[in-house]
């Protein structure tokens, strides 16, 4: 198995999914003064992937943004 784990989810994949979601989050992008609009639907989709991998913070992000963890 790649990652040499005992069947668990690679923490890097979990963190990566949420981090990728932030790159689409208009609020995050505005906060870092990025001059790009973002894509709210993509941000939600990536945070949902992070939730599916077990990221509770991504679940909180979805709740704060009025999105369900699963569609």
C-alpha atoms as a PDB file:
ATOM      1  CA  UNK A   1       0.000   0.000   0.000  1.00  0.00           C
ATOM      2  CA  UNK A   2       1.311   3.429  -0.902  1.00  0.00           C
ATOM      3  CA  UNK A   3       2.227   5.464   2.136  1.00  0.00           C
ATOM      4  CA  UNK A   4       3.146   2.354   4.116  1.00  0.00           C
ATOM      5  CA  UNK A   5       0.209   2.726   6.454  1.00  0.00           C
ATOM      6  CA  UNK A   6      -1.942   0.318   8.328  1.00  0.00           C
ATOM      7  CA  UNK A   7      -5.003   1.022   6.217  1.00  0.00           C
ATOM      8  CA  UNK A   8      -5.668   4.515   7.557  1.00  0.00           C
ATOM      9  CA  UNK A   9      -6.029   7.656   5.512  1.00  0.00           C
ATOM     10  CA  UNK A  10      -2.817   9.534   4.799  1.00  0.00           C
ATOM     11  CA  UNK A  11      -2.937  12.759   6.859  1.00  0.00           C
ATOM     12  CA  UNK A  12      -1.304  14.590   3.957  1.00  0.00           C
ATOM     13  CA  UNK A  13      -4.249  13.754   1.714  1.00  0.00           C
ATOM     14  CA  UNK A  14      -6.704  15.058   4.313  1.00  0.00           C
ATOM     15  CA  UNK A  15      -4.825  18.319   4.829  1.00  0.00           C
ATOM     16  CA  UNK A  16      -4.243  18.649   1.102  1.00  0.00           C
ATOM     17  CA  UNK A  17      -7.934  18.384   0.242  1.00  0.00           C
ATOM     18  CA  UNK A  18      -8.875  21.145   2.680  1.00  0.00           C
ATOM     19  CA  UNK A  19      -5.937  23.318   1.613  1.00  0.00           C
ATOM     20  CA  UNK A  20      -6.925  22.921  -2.013  1.00  0.00           C
ATOM     21  CA  UNK A  21     -10.464  23.956  -1.060  1.00  0.00           C
ATOM     22  CA  UNK A  22      -9.128  27.143   0.513  1.00  0.00           C
ATOM     23  CA  UNK A  23      -7.478  28.075  -2.786  1.00  0.00           C
ATOM     24  CA  UNK A  24     -11.002  28.399  -4.215  1.00  0.00           C
ATOM     25  CA  UNK A  25     -12.591  30.116  -1.175  1.00  0.00           C
ATOM     26  CA  UNK A  26     -13.364  33.769  -2.056  1.00  0.00           C
ATOM     27  CA  UNK A  27     -13.172  34.788   1.610  1.00  0.00           C
ATOM     28  CA  UNK A  28      -9.767  33.191   2.095  1.00  0.00           C
ATOM     29  CA  UNK A  29      -8.482  34.700  -1.136  1.00  0.00           C
ATOM     30  CA  UNK A  30      -9.697  38.164  -0.127  1.00  0.00           C
ATOM     31  CA  UNK A  31      -8.030  37.734   3.257  1.00  0.00           C
ATOM     32  CA  UNK A  32      -4.655  37.130   1.644  1.00  0.00           C
ATOM     33  CA  UNK A  33      -5.255  39.991  -0.823  1.00  0.00           C
ATOM     34  CA  UNK A  34      -5.243  37.689  -3.838  1.00  0.00           C
ATOM     35  CA  UNK A  35      -6.659  39.478  -6.830  1.00  0.00           C
ATOM     36  CA  UNK A  36      -8.701  36.497  -8.039  1.00  0.00           C
ATOM     37  CA  UNK A  37     -12.410  35.835  -7.451  1.00  0.00           C
ATOM     38  CA  UNK A  38     -12.334  32.218  -6.313  1.00  0.00           C
ATOM     39  CA  UNK A  39     -14.944  29.574  -7.001  1.00  0.00           C
ATOM     40  CA  UNK A  40     -17.347  28.899  -4.103  1.00  0.00           C
ATOM     41  CA  UNK A  41     -18.685  25.668  -5.645  1.00  0.00           C
ATOM     42  CA  UNK A  42     -15.174  24.264  -6.047  1.00  0.00           C
ATOM     43  CA  UNK A  43     -14.315  25.303  -2.481  1.00  0.00           C
ATOM     44  CA  UNK A  44     -17.344  23.389  -1.209  1.00  0.00           C
ATOM     45  CA  UNK A  45     -16.495  20.341  -3.329  1.00  0.00           C
ATOM     46  CA  UNK A  46     -12.915  20.167  -2.018  1.00  0.00           C
ATOM     47  CA  UNK A  47     -14.024  20.665   1.586  1.00  0.00           C
ATOM     48  CA  UNK A  48     -16.525  17.824   1.111  1.00  0.00           C
ATOM     49  CA  UNK A  49     -13.663  15.620  -0.077  1.00  0.00           C
ATOM     50  CA  UNK A  50     -11.734  16.568   3.046  1.00  0.00           C
ATOM     51  CA  UNK A  51     -14.746  15.642   5.212  1.00  0.00           C
ATOM     52  CA  UNK A  52     -14.997  12.290   3.428  1.00  0.00           C
ATOM     53  CA  UNK A  53     -11.350  11.713   4.377  1.00  0.00           C
ATOM     54  CA  UNK A  54     -12.115  12.517   8.019  1.00  0.00           C
ATOM     55  CA  UNK A  55     -11.333  16.233   8.404  1.00  0.00           C
ATOM     56  CA  UNK A  56     -13.561  17.706  11.127  1.00  0.00           C
ATOM     57  CA  UNK A  57     -12.309  21.235  10.456  1.00  0.00           C
ATOM     58  CA  UNK A  58     -13.539  20.941   6.876  1.00  0.00           C
ATOM     59  CA  UNK A  59     -16.942  19.959   8.249  1.00  0.00           C
ATOM     60  CA  UNK A  60     -16.899  23.122  10.378  1.00  0.00           C
ATOM     61  CA  UNK A  61     -15.918  25.177   7.314  1.00  0.00           C
ATOM     62  CA  UNK A  62     -18.874  23.768   5.386  1.00  0.00           C
ATOM     63  CA  UNK A  63     -21.247  24.571   8.255  1.00  0.00           C
ATOM     64  CA  UNK A  64     -19.952  28.164   8.467  1.00  0.00           C
ATOM     65  CA  UNK A  65     -20.533  28.555   4.740  1.00  0.00           C
ATOM     66  CA  UNK A  66     -24.035  27.078   4.781  1.00  0.00           C
ATOM     67  CA  UNK A  67     -23.134  23.886   2.950  1.00  0.00           C
ATOM     68  CA  UNK A  68     -23.889  20.305   3.911  1.00  0.00           C
ATOM     69  CA  UNK A  69     -21.029  17.860   4.372  1.00  0.00           C
ATOM     70  CA  UNK A  70     -22.522  15.548   1.735  1.00  0.00           C
ATOM     71  CA  UNK A  71     -24.762  16.154  -1.228  1.00  0.00           C
END
